[in-house]
Amino acid sequence: MSNSTVQILARVLRVLLIFALLLNVLALLLVPASVMVNAENLFGGAGTFLHDLFHPEADDVTAAGVSAIFLSWVWIWGEGANALIALFLVICGICTALILLQGLRVLGTILQGAPFSTQNAVSLRRAAVCSFCIAGAALLRTIWGLWFYQSLRPLATYNALFVPIFTMFGLLCLVMSALFRQATEMKVENDLTI
């Protein structure tokens, strides 16, 4: 089987998706530790935590840092607003991982040389549902922020930006799902005609 340009691009994209999925899983593991260390700057909190984990001081033990990752999953849920932030990030992280997995499934069918299959339509529909879940969680968090802070400041955050972006991505996935389903039906009809 000769490698078409599409299959070569699909291989490259598959490697990038696998890398993104691994980073997503790592970030998902660090959500409670990030929120607990520094709730205002999540990336700074994760960076501080990882730096302290991999560059321990004389009295630190790396195993204690690793166990703190797992213990933070228990501790975070008793901290009110931080628990809400962690819950939002966990929901978004799980949905993002599922979207990436569906992308890997679509790329797998492309690499097999059968891009027009019902499996692709189903995968894109699942990605759309996950995308709508992220948009819904972001909308709820934005509404909660408006109520909690009693200001319009939450409208200028990434949460408010997630709502239209992931809604549009979900709609795009639904359109692509319908196109793949229709192309599959046409392909089956053509195969039966010949």
C-alpha atoms as a PDB file:
ATOM      1  CA  MET A   1       0.000   0.000   0.000  1.00  0.00           C
ATOM      2  CA  SER A   2       1.461   3.314  -1.033  1.00  0.00           C
ATOM      3  CA  ASN A   3       1.531   6.186   1.390  1.00  0.00           C
ATOM      4  CA  SER A   4      -0.717   8.995   0.255  1.00  0.00           C
ATOM      5  CA  THR A   5      -0.129  12.534   1.409  1.00  0.00           C
ATOM      6  CA  VAL A   6      -3.230  12.289   3.591  1.00  0.00           C
ATOM      7  CA  GLN A   7      -1.905   9.184   5.331  1.00  0.00           C
ATOM      8  CA  ILE A   8       1.479  10.789   5.935  1.00  0.00           C
ATOM      9  CA  LEU A   9      -0.228  13.821   7.449  1.00  0.00           C
ATOM     10  CA  ALA A  10      -2.453  11.502   9.501  1.00  0.00           C
ATOM     11  CA  ARG A  11       0.628   9.769  10.930  1.00  0.00           C
ATOM     12  CA  VAL A  12       2.169  13.090  11.930  1.00  0.00           C
ATOM     13  CA  LEU A  13      -1.106  14.251  13.423  1.00  0.00           C
ATOM     14  CA  ARG A  14      -1.476  10.954  15.309  1.00  0.00           C
ATOM     15  CA  VAL A  15       1.926  11.482  16.952  1.00  0.00           C
ATOM     16  CA  LEU A  16       0.939  15.020  17.929  1.00  0.00           C
ATOM     17  CA  LEU A  17      -2.401  13.820  19.331  1.00  0.00           C
ATOM     18  CA  ILE A  18      -0.693  11.111  21.388  1.00  0.00           C
ATOM     19  CA  PHE A  19       1.726  13.710  22.766  1.00  0.00           C
ATOM     20  CA  ALA A  20      -1.169  16.067  23.587  1.00  0.00           C
ATOM     21  CA  LEU A  21      -3.058  13.202  25.253  1.00  0.00           C
ATOM     22  CA  LEU A  22      -0.062  12.338  27.443  1.00  0.00           C
ATOM     23  CA  LEU A  23       0.329  15.989  28.466  1.00  0.00           C
ATOM     24  CA  ASN A  24      -3.400  16.153  29.164  1.00  0.00           C
ATOM     25  CA  VAL A  25      -3.225  13.123  31.464  1.00  0.00           C
ATOM     26  CA  LEU A  26      -0.224  14.634  33.289  1.00  0.00           C
ATOM     27  CA  ALA A  27      -2.062  17.942  33.698  1.00  0.00           C
ATOM     28  CA  LEU A  28      -5.143  16.080  34.909  1.00  0.00           C
ATOM     29  CA  LEU A  29      -3.095  14.358  37.606  1.00  0.00           C
ATOM     30  CA  LEU A  30      -1.729  17.703  38.764  1.00  0.00           C
ATOM     31  CA  VAL A  31      -5.066  19.577  38.916  1.00  0.00           C
ATOM     32  CA  PRO A  32      -5.641  19.379  42.697  1.00  0.00           C
ATOM     33  CA  ALA A  33      -1.991  20.065  43.502  1.00  0.00           C
ATOM     34  CA  SER A  34      -2.046  23.100  41.198  1.00  0.00           C
ATOM     35  CA  VAL A  35      -5.218  24.474  42.705  1.00  0.00           C
ATOM     36  CA  MET A  36      -4.029  23.889  46.277  1.00  0.00           C
ATOM     37  CA  VAL A  37      -0.572  25.391  45.782  1.00  0.00           C
ATOM     38  CA  ASN A  38      -1.687  28.495  43.949  1.00  0.00           C
ATOM     39  CA  ALA A  39      -5.360  29.019  43.119  1.00  0.00           C
ATOM     40  CA  GLU A  40      -4.762  32.398  41.459  1.00  0.00           C
ATOM     41  CA  ASN A  41      -2.106  31.232  38.976  1.00  0.00           C
ATOM     42  CA  LEU A  42      -2.736  27.594  38.055  1.00  0.00           C
ATOM     43  CA  PHE A  43       0.269  27.229  35.778  1.00  0.00           C
ATOM     44  CA  GLY A  44       2.525  28.852  38.364  1.00  0.00           C
ATOM     45  CA  GLY A  45       1.162  26.493  41.008  1.00  0.00           C
ATOM     46  CA  ALA A  46       1.857  23.422  38.886  1.00  0.00           C
ATOM     47  CA  GLY A  47       5.294  24.772  38.006  1.00  0.00           C
ATOM     48  CA  THR A  48       6.175  25.397  41.641  1.00  0.00           C
ATOM     49  CA  PHE A  49       4.897  21.962  42.602  1.00  0.00           C
ATOM     50  CA  LEU A  50       6.850  20.185  39.836  1.00  0.00           C
ATOM     51  CA  HIS A  51       9.996  22.191  40.569  1.00  0.00           C
ATOM     52  CA  ASP A  52       9.843  21.267  44.249  1.00  0.00           C
ATOM     53  CA  LEU A  53       9.112  17.649  43.326  1.00  0.00           C
ATOM     54  CA  PHE A  54      12.075  17.232  40.968  1.00  0.00           C
ATOM     55  CA  HIS A  55      14.484  19.538  42.804  1.00  0.00           C
ATOM     56  CA  PRO A  56      14.013  18.557  46.444  1.00  0.00           C
ATOM     57  CA  GLU A  57      15.849  20.404  49.166  1.00  0.00           C
ATOM     58  CA  ALA A  58      17.903  18.615  51.794  1.00  0.00           C
ATOM     59  CA  ASP A  59      14.916  17.695  53.961  1.00  0.00           C
ATOM     60  CA  ASP A  60      12.490  16.913  51.116  1.00  0.00           C
ATOM     61  CA  VAL A  61      11.831  13.442  49.840  1.00  0.00           C
ATOM     62  CA  THR A  62      10.631  12.853  46.283  1.00  0.00           C
ATOM     63  CA  ALA A  63       8.318  10.073  47.418  1.00  0.00           C
ATOM     64  CA  ALA A  64       6.579  12.549  49.708  1.00  0.00           C
ATOM     65  CA  GLY A  65       5.969  14.792  46.709  1.00  0.00           C
ATOM     66  CA  VAL A  66       4.559  11.938  44.668  1.00  0.00           C
ATOM     67  CA  SER A  67       2.290  10.860  47.513  1.00  0.00           C
ATOM     68  CA  ALA A  68       1.199  14.495  47.901  1.00  0.00           C
ATOM     69  CA  ILE A  69      -0.115  14.367  44.323  1.00  0.00           C
ATOM     70  CA  PHE A  70      -2.415  11.539  45.262  1.00  0.00           C
ATOM     71  CA  LEU A  71      -3.336  12.974  48.669  1.00  0.00           C
ATOM     72  CA  SER A  72      -4.221  16.299  47.066  1.00  0.00           C
ATOM     73  CA  TRP A  73      -7.048  14.471  45.262  1.00  0.00           C
ATOM     74  CA  VAL A  74      -8.596  13.875  48.701  1.00  0.00           C
ATOM     75  CA  TRP A  75      -7.758  17.209  50.324  1.00  0.00           C
ATOM     76  CA  ILE A  76      -8.980  19.501  47.534  1.00  0.00           C
ATOM     77  CA  TRP A  77     -12.660  18.564  47.839  1.00  0.00           C
ATOM     78  CA  GLY A  78     -13.000  20.127  51.296  1.00  0.00           C
ATOM     79  CA  GLU A  79     -11.901  23.609  50.264  1.00  0.00           C
ATOM     80  CA  GLY A  80     -15.027  25.281  48.806  1.00  0.00           C
ATOM     81  CA  ALA A  81     -14.124  27.548  45.891  1.00  0.00           C
ATOM     82  CA  ASN A  82     -10.922  25.611  45.192  1.00  0.00           C
ATOM     83  CA  ALA A  83     -12.973  22.421  44.948  1.00  0.00           C
ATOM     84  CA  LEU A  84     -15.152  24.086  42.310  1.00  0.00           C
ATOM     85  CA  ILE A  85     -12.102  25.152  40.310  1.00  0.00           C
ATOM     86  CA  ALA A  86     -10.670  21.639  40.556  1.00  0.00           C
ATOM     87  CA  LEU A  87     -13.988  20.071  39.538  1.00  0.00           C
ATOM     88  CA  PHE A  88     -14.202  22.339  36.485  1.00  0.00           C
ATOM     89  CA  LEU A  89     -10.638  21.530  35.449  1.00  0.00           C
ATOM     90  CA  VAL A  90     -11.171  17.790  35.957  1.00  0.00           C
ATOM     91  CA  ILE A  91     -14.344  17.820  33.840  1.00  0.00           C
ATOM     92  CA  CYS A  92     -12.592  19.783  31.100  1.00  0.00           C
ATOM     93  CA  GLY A  93      -9.532  17.529  31.280  1.00  0.00           C
ATOM     94  CA  ILE A  94     -11.554  14.325  31.002  1.00  0.00           C
ATOM     95  CA  CYS A  95     -13.622  15.703  28.125  1.00  0.00           C
ATOM     96  CA  THR A  96     -10.468  16.895  26.366  1.00  0.00           C
ATOM     97  CA  ALA A  97      -8.912  13.444  26.735  1.00  0.00           C
ATOM     98  CA  LEU A  98     -12.049  11.889  25.243  1.00  0.00           C
ATOM     99  CA  ILE A  99     -11.982  14.352  22.325  1.00  0.00           C
ATOM    100  CA  LEU A 100      -8.336  13.463  21.669  1.00  0.00           C
ATOM    101  CA  LEU A 101      -9.160   9.745  21.790  1.00  0.00           C
ATOM    102  CA  GLN A 102     -11.949  10.242  19.257  1.00  0.00           C
ATOM    103  CA  GLY A 103      -9.490  12.112  17.039  1.00  0.00           C
ATOM    104  CA  LEU A 104      -7.104   9.160  17.284  1.00  0.00           C
ATOM    105  CA  ARG A 105      -9.916   6.822  16.220  1.00  0.00           C
ATOM    106  CA  VAL A 106     -10.685   8.948  13.166  1.00  0.00           C
ATOM    107  CA  LEU A 107      -7.010   9.045  12.236  1.00  0.00           C
ATOM    108  CA  GLY A 108      -6.838   5.265  12.674  1.00  0.00           C
ATOM    109  CA  THR A 109      -9.519   4.727  10.041  1.00  0.00           C
ATOM    110  CA  ILE A 110      -7.746   7.155   7.716  1.00  0.00           C
ATOM    111  CA  LEU A 111      -4.498   5.217   8.146  1.00  0.00           C
ATOM    112  CA  GLN A 112      -6.361   1.966   7.386  1.00  0.00           C
ATOM    113  CA  GLY A 113      -7.516   3.489   4.106  1.00  0.00           C
ATOM    114  CA  ALA A 114     -11.213   3.550   5.068  1.00  0.00           C
ATOM    115  CA  PRO A 115     -11.998   7.145   6.006  1.00  0.00           C
ATOM    116  CA  PHE A 116     -15.675   6.920   5.084  1.00  0.00           C
ATOM    117  CA  SER A 117     -16.988   4.640   7.797  1.00  0.00           C
ATOM    118  CA  THR A 118     -19.769   4.906  10.310  1.00  0.00           C
ATOM    119  CA  GLN A 119     -17.139   4.679  13.049  1.00  0.00           C
ATOM    120  CA  ASN A 120     -15.888   8.153  12.089  1.00  0.00           C
ATOM    121  CA  ALA A 121     -19.396   9.582  12.268  1.00  0.00           C
ATOM    122  CA  VAL A 122     -19.853   8.085  15.746  1.00  0.00           C
ATOM    123  CA  SER A 123     -16.431   9.334  16.907  1.00  0.00           C
ATOM    124  CA  LEU A 124     -17.166  12.865  15.740  1.00  0.00           C
ATOM    125  CA  ARG A 125     -20.566  12.802  17.454  1.00  0.00           C
ATOM    126  CA  ARG A 126     -18.885  11.728  20.709  1.00  0.00           C
ATOM    127  CA  ALA A 127     -16.344  14.534  20.342  1.00  0.00           C
ATOM    128  CA  ALA A 128     -19.243  16.970  19.874  1.00  0.00           C
ATOM    129  CA  VAL A 129     -20.918  15.772  23.085  1.00  0.00           C
ATOM    130  CA  CYS A 130     -17.649  16.196  25.021  1.00  0.00           C
ATOM    131  CA  SER A 131     -17.200  19.647  23.522  1.00  0.00           C
ATOM    132  CA  PHE A 132     -20.708  20.651  24.600  1.00  0.00           C
ATOM    133  CA  CYS A 133     -19.911  19.358  28.119  1.00  0.00           C
ATOM    134  CA  ILE A 134     -16.868  21.646  28.281  1.00  0.00           C
ATOM    135  CA  ALA A 135     -18.939  24.593  27.030  1.00  0.00           C
ATOM    136  CA  GLY A 136     -21.656  23.831  29.609  1.00  0.00           C
ATOM    137  CA  ALA A 137     -19.141  23.541  32.450  1.00  0.00           C
ATOM    138  CA  ALA A 138     -17.535  26.826  31.383  1.00  0.00           C
ATOM    139  CA  LEU A 139     -20.929  28.515  31.256  1.00  0.00           C
ATOM    140  CA  LEU A 140     -21.795  27.277  34.737  1.00  0.00           C
ATOM    141  CA  ARG A 141     -18.439  28.410  36.076  1.00  0.00           C
ATOM    142  CA  THR A 142     -18.861  31.835  34.471  1.00  0.00           C
ATOM    143  CA  ILE A 143     -22.348  32.212  35.952  1.00  0.00           C
ATOM    144  CA  TRP A 144     -21.021  31.093  39.342  1.00  0.00           C
ATOM    145  CA  GLY A 145     -18.184  33.637  39.042  1.00  0.00           C
ATOM    146  CA  LEU A 146     -20.643  36.432  38.272  1.00  0.00           C
ATOM    147  CA  TRP A 147     -22.634  35.492  41.380  1.00  0.00           C
ATOM    148  CA  PHE A 148     -19.622  34.868  43.650  1.00  0.00           C
ATOM    149  CA  TYR A 149     -17.578  37.977  42.755  1.00  0.00           C
ATOM    150  CA  GLN A 150     -20.620  40.237  42.209  1.00  0.00           C
ATOM    151  CA  SER A 151     -18.893  41.862  39.236  1.00  0.00           C
ATOM    152  CA  LEU A 152     -18.510  41.463  35.488  1.00  0.00           C
ATOM    153  CA  ARG A 153     -14.869  40.417  35.849  1.00  0.00           C
ATOM    154  CA  PRO A 154     -15.579  36.698  35.121  1.00  0.00           C
ATOM    155  CA  LEU A 155     -16.771  37.677  31.634  1.00  0.00           C
ATOM    156  CA  ALA A 156     -13.153  38.551  30.791  1.00  0.00           C
ATOM    157  CA  THR A 157     -11.746  35.124  31.730  1.00  0.00           C
ATOM    158  CA  TYR A 158     -10.938  32.016  29.736  1.00  0.00           C
ATOM    159  CA  ASN A 159     -14.123  30.430  31.115  1.00  0.00           C
ATOM    160  CA  ALA A 160     -16.299  32.897  29.222  1.00  0.00           C
ATOM    161  CA  LEU A 161     -14.172  32.333  26.119  1.00  0.00           C
ATOM    162  CA  PHE A 162     -14.590  28.544  26.360  1.00  0.00           C
ATOM    163  CA  VAL A 163     -18.366  28.795  25.942  1.00  0.00           C
ATOM    164  CA  PRO A 164     -18.498  30.021  22.317  1.00  0.00           C
ATOM    165  CA  ILE A 165     -15.310  28.241  21.251  1.00  0.00           C
ATOM    166  CA  PHE A 166     -16.357  24.786  22.421  1.00  0.00           C
ATOM    167  CA  THR A 167     -19.945  25.329  21.305  1.00  0.00           C
ATOM    168  CA  MET A 168     -18.707  26.120  17.782  1.00  0.00           C
ATOM    169  CA  PHE A 169     -16.305  23.160  17.883  1.00  0.00           C
ATOM    170  CA  GLY A 170     -19.163  20.871  18.945  1.00  0.00           C
ATOM    171  CA  LEU A 171     -21.357  22.151  16.132  1.00  0.00           C
ATOM    172  CA  LEU A 172     -18.505  21.660  13.657  1.00  0.00           C
ATOM    173  CA  CYS A 173     -18.058  18.087  14.882  1.00  0.00           C
ATOM    174  CA  LEU A 174     -21.788  17.448  14.434  1.00  0.00           C
ATOM    175  CA  VAL A 175     -21.659  18.786  10.866  1.00  0.00           C
ATOM    176  CA  MET A 176     -18.586  16.677  10.098  1.00  0.00           C
ATOM    177  CA  SER A 177     -20.306  13.651  11.644  1.00  0.00           C
ATOM    178  CA  ALA A 178     -23.309  14.139   9.373  1.00  0.00           C
ATOM    179  CA  LEU A 179     -21.014  14.532   6.353  1.00  0.00           C
ATOM    180  CA  PHE A 180     -19.113  11.346   7.194  1.00  0.00           C
ATOM    181  CA  ARG A 181     -22.375   9.472   7.724  1.00  0.00           C
ATOM    182  CA  GLN A 182     -23.752  10.701   4.387  1.00  0.00           C
ATOM    183  CA  ALA A 183     -20.485   9.898   2.581  1.00  0.00           C
ATOM    184  CA  THR A 184     -20.552   6.402   4.080  1.00  0.00           C
ATOM    185  CA  GLU A 185     -24.107   5.869   2.843  1.00  0.00           C
ATOM    186  CA  MET A 186     -23.147   7.077  -0.654  1.00  0.00           C
ATOM    187  CA  LYS A 187     -20.096   4.822  -0.684  1.00  0.00           C
ATOM    188  CA  VAL A 188     -22.179   1.784   0.313  1.00  0.00           C
ATOM    189  CA  GLU A 189     -24.740   2.655  -2.355  1.00  0.00           C
ATOM    190  CA  ASN A 190     -22.009   2.990  -4.994  1.00  0.00           C
ATOM    191  CA  ASP A 191     -20.447  -0.333  -3.941  1.00  0.00           C
ATOM    192  CA  LEU A 192     -23.810  -2.049  -4.313  1.00  0.00           C
ATOM    193  CA  THR A 193     -24.432  -0.476  -7.723  1.00  0.00           C
ATOM    194  CA  ILE A 194     -21.210  -1.753  -9.268  1.00  0.00           C
END
